[in-house]
Amino acid sequence: YVQAFFPAEIVEAYLTGPAGVVYSAILAGPLYTPTLIEVALGKALVNLGMAPAATIAWLMGQPYDIPNILSTSRIVGWKIVITYGFLAFLAAIFSGLLYGILTGGF
């Protein structure tokens, strides 16, 4: 079903290379996916041409989706949630870039 929403041409154009790592981390933030669905969705995106490094960034970026941020903010406050989201975003980018550099998976 992923092919209907993400054409292979778009995936190959935007989700490869170092810029694709950043785009994947940005996409992961607002995109809510239930637990373990992100693995199947990631595999489908890889089959469409997504770079492995961008997939790592996308998988690492799943914990800071909008529903998690909204629910957590009511418990710990916005300052902590925004800090966590920003650090998780940076960690997703860093892990994707590091994987791409070490394995050539851009």
C-alpha atoms as a PDB file:
ATOM      1  CA  TYR A   1       0.000   0.000   0.000  1.00  0.00           C
ATOM      2  CA  VAL A   2       2.946   2.313   0.488  1.00  0.00           C
ATOM      3  CA  GLN A   3       3.481   2.624  -3.262  1.00  0.00           C
ATOM      4  CA  ALA A   4       0.159   4.451  -3.596  1.00  0.00           C
ATOM      5  CA  PHE A   5       1.225   7.202  -1.196  1.00  0.00           C
ATOM      6  CA  PHE A   6       4.970   7.312  -1.855  1.00  0.00           C
ATOM      7  CA  PRO A   7       5.822   6.844  -5.541  1.00  0.00           C
ATOM      8  CA  ALA A   8       9.238   5.248  -6.109  1.00  0.00           C
ATOM      9  CA  GLU A   9      10.435   8.321  -8.024  1.00  0.00           C
ATOM     10  CA  ILE A  10       9.754  10.567  -5.011  1.00  0.00           C
ATOM     11  CA  VAL A  11      11.383   8.146  -2.570  1.00  0.00           C
ATOM     12  CA  GLU A  12      14.495   7.791  -4.736  1.00  0.00           C
ATOM     13  CA  ALA A  13      14.738  11.546  -5.285  1.00  0.00           C
ATOM     14  CA  TYR A  14      14.310  12.718  -1.691  1.00  0.00           C
ATOM     15  CA  LEU A  15      15.191   9.830   0.619  1.00  0.00           C
ATOM     16  CA  THR A  16      18.713   9.046  -0.552  1.00  0.00           C
ATOM     17  CA  GLY A  17      22.044  10.652   0.242  1.00  0.00           C
ATOM     18  CA  PRO A  18      22.899  12.785   3.277  1.00  0.00           C
ATOM     19  CA  ALA A  19      19.963  15.111   2.594  1.00  0.00           C
ATOM     20  CA  GLY A  20      17.677  12.075   2.570  1.00  0.00           C
ATOM     21  CA  VAL A  21      18.787  11.307   6.124  1.00  0.00           C
ATOM     22  CA  VAL A  22      17.630  14.757   7.243  1.00  0.00           C
ATOM     23  CA  TYR A  23      14.369  14.492   5.286  1.00  0.00           C
ATOM     24  CA  SER A  24      13.704  11.083   6.849  1.00  0.00           C
ATOM     25  CA  ALA A  25      14.239  12.439  10.350  1.00  0.00           C
ATOM     26  CA  ILE A  26      11.870  15.325   9.576  1.00  0.00           C
ATOM     27  CA  LEU A  27       9.271  12.918   8.164  1.00  0.00           C
ATOM     28  CA  ALA A  28       9.510  10.629  11.195  1.00  0.00           C
ATOM     29  CA  GLY A  29       8.541  13.362  13.646  1.00  0.00           C
ATOM     30  CA  PRO A  30       4.930  14.085  12.757  1.00  0.00           C
ATOM     31  CA  LEU A  31       4.216  10.665  11.232  1.00  0.00           C
ATOM     32  CA  TYR A  32       2.598   8.455  13.869  1.00  0.00           C
ATOM     33  CA  THR A  33       3.084   4.737  13.369  1.00  0.00           C
ATOM     34  CA  PRO A  34       2.060   2.042  15.867  1.00  0.00           C
ATOM     35  CA  THR A  35       4.734  -0.127  17.456  1.00  0.00           C
ATOM     36  CA  LEU A  36       6.361  -2.569  15.014  1.00  0.00           C
ATOM     37  CA  ILE A  37       4.493  -1.097  12.043  1.00  0.00           C
ATOM     38  CA  GLU A  38       7.441   1.242  11.485  1.00  0.00           C
ATOM     39  CA  VAL A  39       9.609  -1.796  10.681  1.00  0.00           C
ATOM     40  CA  ALA A  40       7.254  -3.018   7.945  1.00  0.00           C
ATOM     41  CA  LEU A  41       6.800   0.514   6.626  1.00  0.00           C
ATOM     42  CA  GLY A  42      10.569   1.041   6.643  1.00  0.00           C
ATOM     43  CA  LYS A  43      11.068  -2.171   4.667  1.00  0.00           C
ATOM     44  CA  ALA A  44       8.464  -1.048   2.131  1.00  0.00           C
ATOM     45  CA  LEU A  45      10.253   2.300   1.745  1.00  0.00           C
ATOM     46  CA  VAL A  46      13.593   0.512   1.269  1.00  0.00           C
ATOM     47  CA  ASN A  47      11.957  -1.568  -1.470  1.00  0.00           C
ATOM     48  CA  LEU A  48      10.904   1.712  -3.119  1.00  0.00           C
ATOM     49  CA  GLY A  49      14.494   2.991  -3.114  1.00  0.00           C
ATOM     50  CA  MET A  50      15.020   4.614   0.279  1.00  0.00           C
ATOM     51  CA  ALA A  51      18.678   4.577   1.332  1.00  0.00           C
ATOM     52  CA  PRO A  52      19.563   2.376   4.325  1.00  0.00           C
ATOM     53  CA  ALA A  53      21.043   5.381   6.161  1.00  0.00           C
ATOM     54  CA  ALA A  54      17.800   7.309   5.692  1.00  0.00           C
ATOM     55  CA  THR A  55      15.877   4.287   6.978  1.00  0.00           C
ATOM     56  CA  ILE A  56      17.969   4.242  10.159  1.00  0.00           C
ATOM     57  CA  ALA A  57      17.237   7.950  10.685  1.00  0.00           C
ATOM     58  CA  TRP A  58      13.536   7.361  10.082  1.00  0.00           C
ATOM     59  CA  LEU A  59      13.380   4.461  12.548  1.00  0.00           C
ATOM     60  CA  MET A  60      15.314   6.406  15.193  1.00  0.00           C
ATOM     61  CA  GLY A  61      12.948   9.351  14.753  1.00  0.00           C
ATOM     62  CA  GLN A  62       9.778   7.442  15.562  1.00  0.00           C
ATOM     63  CA  PRO A  63       9.699   8.167  19.340  1.00  0.00           C
ATOM     64  CA  TYR A  64       9.101  11.898  18.897  1.00  0.00           C
ATOM     65  CA  ASP A  65       5.872  11.768  16.902  1.00  0.00           C
ATOM     66  CA  ILE A  66       3.104  14.280  17.574  1.00  0.00           C
ATOM     67  CA  PRO A  67       0.786  12.041  19.670  1.00  0.00           C
ATOM     68  CA  ASN A  68       3.665  11.068  21.975  1.00  0.00           C
ATOM     69  CA  ILE A  69       4.746  14.683  22.359  1.00  0.00           C
ATOM     70  CA  LEU A  70       1.215  15.846  23.167  1.00  0.00           C
ATOM     71  CA  SER A  71       0.553  13.146  25.735  1.00  0.00           C
ATOM     72  CA  THR A  72       3.944  13.476  27.411  1.00  0.00           C
ATOM     73  CA  SER A  73       3.704  17.266  27.626  1.00  0.00           C
ATOM     74  CA  ARG A  74       0.740  16.980  30.002  1.00  0.00           C
ATOM     75  CA  ILE A  75       2.892  14.975  32.412  1.00  0.00           C
ATOM     76  CA  VAL A  76       6.340  16.595  32.303  1.00  0.00           C
ATOM     77  CA  GLY A  77       5.701  19.974  30.661  1.00  0.00           C
ATOM     78  CA  TRP A  78       6.548  21.511  27.315  1.00  0.00           C
ATOM     79  CA  LYS A  79      10.134  22.513  28.093  1.00  0.00           C
ATOM     80  CA  ILE A  80      11.221  18.921  28.697  1.00  0.00           C
ATOM     81  CA  VAL A  81       9.217  17.584  25.758  1.00  0.00           C
ATOM     82  CA  ILE A  82      10.636  20.126  23.309  1.00  0.00           C
ATOM     83  CA  THR A  83      14.158  19.418  24.563  1.00  0.00           C
ATOM     84  CA  TYR A  84      13.591  15.676  24.193  1.00  0.00           C
ATOM     85  CA  GLY A  85      12.116  16.072  20.715  1.00  0.00           C
ATOM     86  CA  PHE A  86      15.016  18.236  19.572  1.00  0.00           C
ATOM     87  CA  LEU A  87      17.626  15.841  20.979  1.00  0.00           C
ATOM     88  CA  ALA A  88      15.844  12.826  19.475  1.00  0.00           C
ATOM     89  CA  PHE A  89      15.747  14.612  16.102  1.00  0.00           C
ATOM     90  CA  LEU A  90      19.485  15.317  16.273  1.00  0.00           C
ATOM     91  CA  ALA A  91      20.204  11.735  17.364  1.00  0.00           C
ATOM     92  CA  ALA A  92      18.181  10.395  14.431  1.00  0.00           C
ATOM     93  CA  ILE A  93      20.171  12.515  11.983  1.00  0.00           C
ATOM     94  CA  PHE A  94      23.483  11.619  13.624  1.00  0.00           C
ATOM     95  CA  SER A  95      22.764   7.884  13.627  1.00  0.00           C
ATOM     96  CA  GLY A  96      21.687   7.937   9.986  1.00  0.00           C
ATOM     97  CA  LEU A  97      24.743   9.908   8.894  1.00  0.00           C
ATOM     98  CA  LEU A  98      27.081   7.728  10.949  1.00  0.00           C
ATOM     99  CA  TYR A  99      25.580   4.571   9.463  1.00  0.00           C
ATOM    100  CA  GLY A 100      25.877   6.039   5.972  1.00  0.00           C
ATOM    101  CA  ILE A 101      29.518   6.992   6.505  1.00  0.00           C
ATOM    102  CA  LEU A 102      30.524   3.663   8.042  1.00  0.00           C
ATOM    103  CA  THR A 103      28.730   1.436   5.538  1.00  0.00           C
ATOM    104  CA  GLY A 104      28.400   3.626   2.461  1.00  0.00           C
ATOM    105  CA  GLY A 105      24.642   3.207   2.725  1.00  0.00           C
ATOM    106  CA  PHE A 106      23.675   6.582   1.286  1.00  0.00           C
END
